[in-house]
Amino acid sequence: MTRQLSPVVDVQVACDDAGIPSATEIRAWVARAVGGSGKSFANGTELSVRVVNKEEIRSLNRDYRQKDVATNVLSFPGEAVHGLPDEADRVLGDVVVCASVVNDEAAEQGKPTEHHWAHMLVHGTLHLLGYDHETDAEAAEMEGIEVRILGDNGINDPYAESR
């Protein structure tokens, strides 16, 4: 039987930009995303969050998405291992966040940096949980979950200006 638990989150910081949330804050936002996602999973579920510079995220974006540009967040879902029992430990995947892009976007959009970090962490985690925004219906569902999770934690709708 699966239960809603917070995953084990490995936080890796591979750059020295200012404004990066602490490992505790990163874990808290991942837990909020999981808790608000409506998804359940077994105890022992893991994921990693890696905070990187523009060069690393650009390389990942180019190699895995064929987009040769730095981006704010990428998610790499883990592969399902067939035959494992439901209660077995599972790796959800990796969320990679570019510190300088997130910080620059927050400044450009006139929002608190910590709010934009929260949004990117929630967004990336939801991708690992199977949510996407390839179609209008998928985007509406995913954005609705993001807005609710962020709003429940005192952060305004990050999509309000684009609607």
N, C-alpha and C. Protein backbone atom coordinates (compact mmCIF):
# COMPACT_ATOMS: atom_id res chain seq x y z
N MET A 1 0.84 -1.19 0.00
CA MET A 1 0.00 0.00 0.00
C MET A 1 0.88 1.25 0.00
N THR A 2 0.56 2.25 -0.81
CA THR A 2 1.35 3.47 -0.85
C THR A 2 0.72 4.52 0.04
N ARG A 3 1.56 5.38 0.57
CA ARG A 3 1.11 6.47 1.43
C ARG A 3 1.77 7.75 0.96
N GLN A 4 1.15 8.88 1.28
CA GLN A 4 1.71 10.18 0.94
C GLN A 4 2.78 10.52 1.97
N LEU A 5 4.02 10.47 1.57
CA LEU A 5 5.14 10.80 2.42
C LEU A 5 6.04 11.78 1.70
N SER A 6 6.86 12.49 2.45
CA SER A 6 7.84 13.36 1.82
C SER A 6 8.99 12.52 1.32
N PRO A 7 9.42 12.76 0.08
CA PRO A 7 10.55 11.99 -0.44
C PRO A 7 11.85 12.42 0.23
N VAL A 8 12.85 11.57 0.12
CA VAL A 8 14.20 11.93 0.52
C VAL A 8 14.73 12.81 -0.60
N VAL A 9 15.21 13.99 -0.26
CA VAL A 9 15.67 14.94 -1.28
C VAL A 9 17.16 15.20 -1.11
N ASP A 10 17.93 14.82 -2.13
CA ASP A 10 19.36 15.10 -2.17
C ASP A 10 19.54 16.46 -2.82
N VAL A 11 20.09 17.42 -2.10
CA VAL A 11 20.30 18.76 -2.63
C VAL A 11 21.78 18.94 -2.94
N GLN A 12 22.05 19.33 -4.19
CA GLN A 12 23.41 19.58 -4.65
C GLN A 12 23.48 21.01 -5.16
N VAL A 13 24.42 21.78 -4.64
CA VAL A 13 24.62 23.15 -5.11
C VAL A 13 25.97 23.19 -5.82
N ALA A 14 25.92 23.41 -7.15
CA ALA A 14 27.12 23.34 -7.97
C ALA A 14 27.50 24.71 -8.53
N CYS A 15 27.10 25.77 -7.84
CA CYS A 15 27.47 27.13 -8.25
C CYS A 15 27.52 28.00 -7.01
N ASP A 16 28.01 29.22 -7.16
CA ASP A 16 28.15 30.09 -5.99
C ASP A 16 27.32 31.37 -6.10
N ASP A 17 26.22 31.32 -6.84
CA ASP A 17 25.35 32.49 -6.98
C ASP A 17 24.73 32.86 -5.63
N ALA A 18 24.40 34.14 -5.50
CA ALA A 18 23.69 34.61 -4.32
C ALA A 18 22.22 34.25 -4.44
N GLY A 19 21.52 34.26 -3.32
CA GLY A 19 20.08 34.09 -3.33
C GLY A 19 19.57 32.67 -3.45
N ILE A 20 20.46 31.69 -3.39
CA ILE A 20 20.03 30.29 -3.48
C ILE A 20 19.39 29.90 -2.15
N PRO A 21 18.20 29.32 -2.18
CA PRO A 21 17.59 28.87 -0.93
C PRO A 21 18.47 27.82 -0.24
N SER A 22 18.32 27.71 1.06
CA SER A 22 19.05 26.69 1.80
C SER A 22 18.52 25.31 1.42
N ALA A 23 19.30 24.28 1.73
CA ALA A 23 18.86 22.91 1.47
C ALA A 23 17.55 22.62 2.20
N THR A 24 17.39 23.16 3.40
CA THR A 24 16.16 22.97 4.16
C THR A 24 14.98 23.61 3.44
N GLU A 25 15.15 24.81 2.89
CA GLU A 25 14.07 25.47 2.15
C GLU A 25 13.74 24.71 0.87
N ILE A 26 14.76 24.24 0.18
CA ILE A 26 14.53 23.47 -1.05
C ILE A 26 13.72 22.22 -0.72
N ARG A 27 14.13 21.49 0.32
CA ARG A 27 13.40 20.28 0.71
C ARG A 27 11.96 20.60 1.09
N ALA A 28 11.74 21.72 1.77
CA ALA A 28 10.39 22.10 2.18
C ALA A 28 9.50 22.37 0.97
N TRP A 29 10.02 23.05 -0.06
CA TRP A 29 9.21 23.31 -1.25
C TRP A 29 8.93 22.04 -2.02
N VAL A 30 9.89 21.13 -2.08
CA VAL A 30 9.64 19.84 -2.74
C VAL A 30 8.54 19.10 -1.98
N ALA A 31 8.62 19.08 -0.66
CA ALA A 31 7.60 18.41 0.15
C ALA A 31 6.22 19.04 -0.05
N ARG A 32 6.16 20.37 -0.15
CA ARG A 32 4.88 21.05 -0.40
C ARG A 32 4.33 20.66 -1.77
N ALA A 33 5.21 20.57 -2.76
CA ALA A 33 4.76 20.18 -4.11
C ALA A 33 4.21 18.77 -4.10
N VAL A 34 4.93 17.86 -3.45
CA VAL A 34 4.48 16.47 -3.38
C VAL A 34 3.16 16.39 -2.61
N GLY A 35 3.09 17.06 -1.47
CA GLY A 35 1.89 17.02 -0.66
C GLY A 35 0.67 17.59 -1.37
N GLY A 36 0.87 18.61 -2.19
CA GLY A 36 -0.24 19.24 -2.89
C GLY A 36 -0.54 18.64 -4.25
N SER A 37 0.22 17.63 -4.63
CA SER A 37 0.10 17.08 -5.98
C SER A 37 -1.05 16.10 -6.17
N GLY A 38 -1.50 15.51 -5.08
CA GLY A 38 -2.51 14.48 -5.20
C GLY A 38 -1.95 13.12 -5.55
N LYS A 39 -0.62 13.01 -5.61
CA LYS A 39 0.02 11.73 -5.94
C LYS A 39 0.46 11.03 -4.66
N SER A 40 0.49 9.72 -4.71
CA SER A 40 0.96 8.91 -3.58
C SER A 40 2.13 8.07 -4.04
N PHE A 41 2.98 7.72 -3.10
CA PHE A 41 4.13 6.89 -3.42
C PHE A 41 4.61 6.19 -2.16
N ALA A 42 5.50 5.26 -2.33
CA ALA A 42 5.98 4.45 -1.22
C ALA A 42 7.02 5.18 -0.39
N ASN A 43 7.18 4.74 0.84
CA ASN A 43 8.25 5.21 1.70
C ASN A 43 9.58 4.92 1.00
N GLY A 44 10.56 5.78 1.19
CA GLY A 44 11.86 5.55 0.58
C GLY A 44 12.01 6.14 -0.81
N THR A 45 11.01 6.89 -1.26
CA THR A 45 11.09 7.53 -2.56
C THR A 45 12.10 8.67 -2.49
N GLU A 46 12.92 8.80 -3.54
CA GLU A 46 13.98 9.79 -3.55
C GLU A 46 13.92 10.64 -4.80
N LEU A 47 14.49 11.85 -4.69
CA LEU A 47 14.74 12.70 -5.85
C LEU A 47 15.90 13.61 -5.51
N SER A 48 16.47 14.20 -6.54
CA SER A 48 17.55 15.15 -6.29
C SER A 48 17.20 16.50 -6.89
N VAL A 49 17.70 17.54 -6.25
CA VAL A 49 17.62 18.90 -6.77
C VAL A 49 19.06 19.39 -6.88
N ARG A 50 19.44 19.76 -8.09
CA ARG A 50 20.79 20.26 -8.34
C ARG A 50 20.68 21.71 -8.80
N VAL A 51 21.39 22.60 -8.13
CA VAL A 51 21.41 24.02 -8.47
C VAL A 51 22.70 24.27 -9.24
N VAL A 52 22.55 24.82 -10.44
CA VAL A 52 23.69 24.91 -11.36
C VAL A 52 23.84 26.32 -11.95
N ASN A 53 24.92 26.48 -12.73
CA ASN A 53 25.17 27.73 -13.44
C ASN A 53 24.58 27.65 -14.85
N LYS A 54 24.69 28.75 -15.58
CA LYS A 54 24.12 28.80 -16.93
C LYS A 54 24.76 27.81 -17.89
N GLU A 55 26.05 27.59 -17.76
CA GLU A 55 26.72 26.68 -18.67
C GLU A 55 26.20 25.25 -18.52
N GLU A 56 26.02 24.82 -17.29
CA GLU A 56 25.55 23.45 -17.07
C GLU A 56 24.11 23.27 -17.54
N ILE A 57 23.24 24.21 -17.22
CA ILE A 57 21.84 24.03 -17.64
C ILE A 57 21.71 24.16 -19.16
N ARG A 58 22.52 25.02 -19.75
CA ARG A 58 22.48 25.15 -21.22
C ARG A 58 22.92 23.85 -21.87
N SER A 59 23.95 23.24 -21.35
CA SER A 59 24.43 21.97 -21.88
C SER A 59 23.37 20.88 -21.75
N LEU A 60 22.73 20.80 -20.60
CA LEU A 60 21.67 19.82 -20.39
C LEU A 60 20.49 20.08 -21.32
N ASN A 61 20.09 21.33 -21.44
CA ASN A 61 18.97 21.70 -22.30
C ASN A 61 19.29 21.36 -23.77
N ARG A 62 20.52 21.62 -24.17
CA ARG A 62 20.93 21.31 -25.54
C ARG A 62 20.96 19.80 -25.77
N ASP A 63 21.56 19.06 -24.85
CA ASP A 63 21.73 17.62 -25.04
C ASP A 63 20.43 16.83 -24.92
N TYR A 64 19.52 17.26 -24.05
CA TYR A 64 18.31 16.48 -23.80
C TYR A 64 17.05 17.06 -24.43
N ARG A 65 17.05 18.34 -24.75
CA ARG A 65 15.85 18.96 -25.33
C ARG A 65 16.12 19.63 -26.67
N GLN A 66 17.36 19.56 -27.13
CA GLN A 66 17.78 20.17 -28.39
C GLN A 66 17.48 21.67 -28.43
N LYS A 67 17.63 22.32 -27.27
CA LYS A 67 17.45 23.77 -27.17
C LYS A 67 18.74 24.35 -26.58
N ASP A 68 19.51 25.03 -27.40
CA ASP A 68 20.82 25.53 -27.00
C ASP A 68 20.71 26.89 -26.32
N VAL A 69 20.07 26.88 -25.16
CA VAL A 69 19.85 28.10 -24.39
C VAL A 69 19.75 27.73 -22.91
N ALA A 70 20.20 28.65 -22.06
CA ALA A 70 20.02 28.45 -20.62
C ALA A 70 18.55 28.63 -20.28
N THR A 71 18.04 27.81 -19.39
CA THR A 71 16.65 27.88 -18.96
C THR A 71 16.59 27.88 -17.44
N ASN A 72 15.42 28.08 -16.88
CA ASN A 72 15.30 28.19 -15.42
C ASN A 72 15.30 26.84 -14.72
N VAL A 73 14.54 25.87 -15.23
CA VAL A 73 14.44 24.58 -14.55
C VAL A 73 14.23 23.47 -15.57
N LEU A 74 14.86 22.35 -15.31
CA LEU A 74 14.67 21.13 -16.10
C LEU A 74 14.36 19.99 -15.14
N SER A 75 13.54 19.07 -15.60
CA SER A 75 13.21 17.88 -14.80
C SER A 75 13.52 16.65 -15.61
N PHE A 76 14.11 15.68 -14.94
CA PHE A 76 14.47 14.42 -15.57
C PHE A 76 13.84 13.28 -14.76
N PRO A 77 12.64 12.85 -15.15
CA PRO A 77 11.96 11.79 -14.39
C PRO A 77 12.76 10.49 -14.40
N GLY A 78 12.72 9.79 -13.27
CA GLY A 78 13.35 8.48 -13.18
C GLY A 78 12.57 7.45 -13.97
N GLU A 79 13.24 6.42 -14.37
CA GLU A 79 12.61 5.34 -15.13
C GLU A 79 11.96 4.35 -14.16
N ALA A 80 10.79 3.88 -14.51
CA ALA A 80 10.14 2.84 -13.71
C ALA A 80 10.90 1.53 -13.86
N VAL A 81 11.06 0.82 -12.78
CA VAL A 81 11.70 -0.49 -12.81
C VAL A 81 10.60 -1.53 -12.67
N HIS A 82 10.35 -2.25 -13.75
CA HIS A 82 9.27 -3.24 -13.76
C HIS A 82 9.61 -4.41 -12.85
N GLY A 83 8.60 -4.88 -12.13
CA GLY A 83 8.78 -6.03 -11.26
C GLY A 83 9.05 -5.70 -9.82
N LEU A 84 9.36 -4.43 -9.52
CA LEU A 84 9.58 -4.06 -8.13
C LEU A 84 8.24 -4.00 -7.40
N PRO A 85 8.20 -4.46 -6.15
CA PRO A 85 6.95 -4.34 -5.40
C PRO A 85 6.64 -2.87 -5.11
N ASP A 86 5.37 -2.56 -4.90
CA ASP A 86 4.95 -1.18 -4.66
C ASP A 86 5.69 -0.53 -3.50
N GLU A 87 6.05 -1.31 -2.49
CA GLU A 87 6.69 -0.72 -1.31
C GLU A 87 8.19 -0.51 -1.47
N ALA A 88 8.75 -0.89 -2.61
CA ALA A 88 10.19 -0.74 -2.84
C ALA A 88 10.57 0.73 -3.00
N ASP A 89 11.79 1.07 -2.58
CA ASP A 89 12.30 2.41 -2.78
C ASP A 89 12.28 2.76 -4.27
N ARG A 90 12.07 4.01 -4.57
CA ARG A 90 11.94 4.45 -5.95
C ARG A 90 12.61 5.81 -6.13
N VAL A 91 13.23 6.04 -7.27
CA VAL A 91 13.82 7.33 -7.58
C VAL A 91 12.88 8.07 -8.52
N LEU A 92 12.36 9.21 -8.07
CA LEU A 92 11.47 10.01 -8.90
C LEU A 92 12.23 10.68 -10.04
N GLY A 93 13.47 11.07 -9.78
CA GLY A 93 14.28 11.72 -10.80
C GLY A 93 15.03 12.91 -10.26
N ASP A 94 15.37 13.82 -11.19
CA ASP A 94 16.20 14.97 -10.85
C ASP A 94 15.55 16.26 -11.32
N VAL A 95 15.63 17.28 -10.48
CA VAL A 95 15.24 18.64 -10.84
C VAL A 95 16.54 19.44 -10.88
N VAL A 96 16.77 20.15 -11.98
CA VAL A 96 17.97 20.97 -12.13
C VAL A 96 17.50 22.41 -12.28
N VAL A 97 18.01 23.28 -11.40
CA VAL A 97 17.59 24.69 -11.40
C VAL A 97 18.82 25.56 -11.64
N CYS A 98 18.69 26.51 -12.55
CA CYS A 98 19.78 27.45 -12.82
C CYS A 98 19.61 28.69 -11.94
N ALA A 99 20.51 28.86 -11.00
CA ALA A 99 20.40 29.96 -10.04
C ALA A 99 20.37 31.32 -10.71
N SER A 100 21.28 31.60 -11.62
CA SER A 100 21.34 32.94 -12.21
C SER A 100 20.12 33.23 -13.08
N VAL A 101 19.59 32.24 -13.78
CA VAL A 101 18.39 32.47 -14.60
C VAL A 101 17.20 32.75 -13.68
N VAL A 102 17.03 31.97 -12.63
CA VAL A 102 15.91 32.19 -11.71
C VAL A 102 16.03 33.57 -11.06
N ASN A 103 17.22 33.93 -10.61
CA ASN A 103 17.41 35.24 -9.98
C ASN A 103 17.15 36.38 -10.96
N ASP A 104 17.64 36.24 -12.20
CA ASP A 104 17.43 37.27 -13.22
C ASP A 104 15.95 37.40 -13.58
N GLU A 105 15.26 36.26 -13.74
CA GLU A 105 13.83 36.30 -14.06
C GLU A 105 13.03 36.98 -12.95
N ALA A 106 13.36 36.69 -11.71
CA ALA A 106 12.64 37.32 -10.59
C ALA A 106 12.79 38.83 -10.66
N ALA A 107 14.00 39.30 -10.91
CA ALA A 107 14.23 40.74 -11.01
C ALA A 107 13.47 41.34 -12.19
N GLU A 108 13.54 40.68 -13.34
CA GLU A 108 12.85 41.16 -14.54
C GLU A 108 11.33 41.20 -14.35
N GLN A 109 10.80 40.24 -13.62
CA GLN A 109 9.36 40.13 -13.42
C GLN A 109 8.87 40.90 -12.20
N GLY A 110 9.80 41.51 -11.46
CA GLY A 110 9.43 42.31 -10.30
C GLY A 110 8.82 41.51 -9.16
N LYS A 111 9.29 40.28 -8.99
CA LYS A 111 8.75 39.46 -7.90
C LYS A 111 9.88 39.08 -6.94
N PRO A 112 9.55 38.80 -5.70
CA PRO A 112 10.59 38.40 -4.75
C PRO A 112 11.32 37.15 -5.25
N THR A 113 12.62 37.18 -5.14
CA THR A 113 13.44 36.06 -5.62
C THR A 113 13.01 34.75 -4.97
N GLU A 114 12.74 34.78 -3.66
CA GLU A 114 12.38 33.54 -2.97
C GLU A 114 11.05 32.98 -3.49
N HIS A 115 10.16 33.84 -3.96
CA HIS A 115 8.89 33.37 -4.53
C HIS A 115 9.12 32.68 -5.87
N HIS A 116 10.02 33.23 -6.68
CA HIS A 116 10.30 32.61 -7.97
C HIS A 116 11.02 31.28 -7.78
N TRP A 117 11.92 31.20 -6.81
CA TRP A 117 12.57 29.93 -6.49
C TRP A 117 11.52 28.90 -6.08
N ALA A 118 10.59 29.30 -5.23
CA ALA A 118 9.53 28.38 -4.80
C ALA A 118 8.76 27.87 -6.01
N HIS A 119 8.40 28.77 -6.91
CA HIS A 119 7.65 28.38 -8.10
C HIS A 119 8.45 27.38 -8.94
N MET A 120 9.72 27.64 -9.17
CA MET A 120 10.52 26.74 -10.00
C MET A 120 10.68 25.36 -9.34
N LEU A 121 10.83 25.34 -8.03
CA LEU A 121 10.96 24.05 -7.32
C LEU A 121 9.65 23.27 -7.37
N VAL A 122 8.53 23.95 -7.20
CA VAL A 122 7.23 23.28 -7.29
C VAL A 122 7.01 22.80 -8.73
N HIS A 123 7.28 23.64 -9.69
CA HIS A 123 7.09 23.30 -11.10
C HIS A 123 7.93 22.08 -11.48
N GLY A 124 9.20 22.11 -11.14
CA GLY A 124 10.09 20.99 -11.48
C GLY A 124 9.68 19.70 -10.81
N THR A 125 9.26 19.79 -9.56
CA THR A 125 8.83 18.60 -8.82
C THR A 125 7.56 18.01 -9.43
N LEU A 126 6.62 18.87 -9.81
CA LEU A 126 5.40 18.37 -10.43
C LEU A 126 5.69 17.63 -11.73
N HIS A 127 6.68 18.08 -12.48
CA HIS A 127 7.07 17.34 -13.68
C HIS A 127 7.51 15.92 -13.32
N LEU A 128 8.27 15.78 -12.24
CA LEU A 128 8.71 14.44 -11.83
C LEU A 128 7.54 13.56 -11.42
N LEU A 129 6.45 14.19 -11.00
CA LEU A 129 5.27 13.46 -10.56
C LEU A 129 4.30 13.18 -11.71
N GLY A 130 4.72 13.52 -12.93
CA GLY A 130 3.93 13.17 -14.09
C GLY A 130 3.09 14.28 -14.69
N TYR A 131 3.14 15.47 -14.13
CA TYR A 131 2.39 16.59 -14.68
C TYR A 131 3.19 17.23 -15.81
N ASP A 132 2.47 17.81 -16.77
CA ASP A 132 3.14 18.44 -17.91
C ASP A 132 2.29 19.60 -18.40
N HIS A 133 2.80 20.32 -19.39
CA HIS A 133 2.08 21.47 -19.95
C HIS A 133 2.23 21.52 -21.46
N GLU A 134 2.24 20.35 -22.07
CA GLU A 134 2.35 20.26 -23.53
C GLU A 134 1.06 20.66 -24.24
N THR A 135 -0.09 20.38 -23.63
CA THR A 135 -1.37 20.78 -24.21
C THR A 135 -2.02 21.82 -23.29
N ASP A 136 -3.02 22.51 -23.80
CA ASP A 136 -3.73 23.51 -22.99
C ASP A 136 -4.36 22.87 -21.75
N ALA A 137 -4.92 21.68 -21.91
CA ALA A 137 -5.56 21.00 -20.78
C ALA A 137 -4.52 20.61 -19.73
N GLU A 138 -3.39 20.09 -20.18
CA GLU A 138 -2.32 19.72 -19.24
C GLU A 138 -1.79 20.96 -18.53
N ALA A 139 -1.59 22.04 -19.28
CA ALA A 139 -1.09 23.28 -18.69
C ALA A 139 -2.07 23.82 -17.65
N ALA A 140 -3.36 23.79 -17.96
CA ALA A 140 -4.36 24.28 -17.01
C ALA A 140 -4.33 23.47 -15.72
N GLU A 141 -4.22 22.15 -15.84
CA GLU A 141 -4.17 21.30 -14.65
C GLU A 141 -2.90 21.58 -13.84
N MET A 142 -1.75 21.57 -14.49
CA MET A 142 -0.49 21.76 -13.78
C MET A 142 -0.41 23.15 -13.15
N GLU A 143 -0.75 24.17 -13.92
CA GLU A 143 -0.71 25.53 -13.38
C GLU A 143 -1.68 25.71 -12.23
N GLY A 144 -2.83 25.08 -12.30
CA GLY A 144 -3.79 25.15 -11.19
C GLY A 144 -3.22 24.58 -9.91
N ILE A 145 -2.53 23.46 -10.03
CA ILE A 145 -1.90 22.85 -8.86
C ILE A 145 -0.80 23.76 -8.32
N GLU A 146 0.03 24.30 -9.21
CA GLU A 146 1.10 25.20 -8.79
C GLU A 146 0.53 26.41 -8.05
N VAL A 147 -0.49 27.04 -8.64
CA VAL A 147 -1.09 28.24 -8.05
C VAL A 147 -1.65 27.92 -6.66
N ARG A 148 -2.30 26.76 -6.52
CA ARG A 148 -2.86 26.38 -5.22
C ARG A 148 -1.76 26.16 -4.18
N ILE A 149 -0.71 25.40 -4.55
CA ILE A 149 0.38 25.12 -3.61
C ILE A 149 1.06 26.42 -3.20
N LEU A 150 1.38 27.26 -4.16
CA LEU A 150 2.04 28.53 -3.84
C LEU A 150 1.12 29.42 -3.02
N GLY A 151 -0.15 29.53 -3.42
CA GLY A 151 -1.11 30.36 -2.69
C GLY A 151 -1.30 29.91 -1.26
N ASP A 152 -1.33 28.59 -1.05
CA ASP A 152 -1.46 28.05 0.31
C ASP A 152 -0.27 28.44 1.18
N ASN A 153 0.81 28.88 0.54
CA ASN A 153 2.02 29.26 1.25
C ASN A 153 2.35 30.74 1.09
N GLY A 154 1.32 31.54 0.79
CA GLY A 154 1.46 32.99 0.78
C GLY A 154 2.11 33.60 -0.46
N ILE A 155 2.14 32.86 -1.56
CA ILE A 155 2.77 33.38 -2.78
C ILE A 155 1.69 33.59 -3.84
N ASN A 156 1.71 34.76 -4.45
CA ASN A 156 0.72 35.11 -5.47
C ASN A 156 0.85 34.24 -6.71
N ASP A 157 -0.23 34.17 -7.47
CA ASP A 157 -0.30 33.42 -8.72
C ASP A 157 0.80 33.89 -9.68
N PRO A 158 1.77 33.03 -10.00
CA PRO A 158 2.86 33.44 -10.89
C PRO A 158 2.42 33.60 -12.34
N TYR A 159 1.23 33.13 -12.68
CA TYR A 159 0.73 33.21 -14.05
C TYR A 159 -0.27 34.34 -14.25
N ALA A 160 -0.59 35.08 -13.20
CA ALA A 160 -1.65 36.08 -13.26
C ALA A 160 -1.42 37.12 -14.36
N GLU A 161 -0.19 37.54 -14.55
CA GLU A 161 0.09 38.58 -15.55
C GLU A 161 -0.02 38.07 -16.97
N SER A 162 0.13 36.75 -17.18
CA SER A 162 0.12 36.21 -18.54
C SER A 162 -1.27 35.75 -18.97
N ARG A 163 -2.24 35.86 -18.09
CA ARG A 163 -3.60 35.43 -18.42
C ARG A 163 -4.45 36.56 -18.90
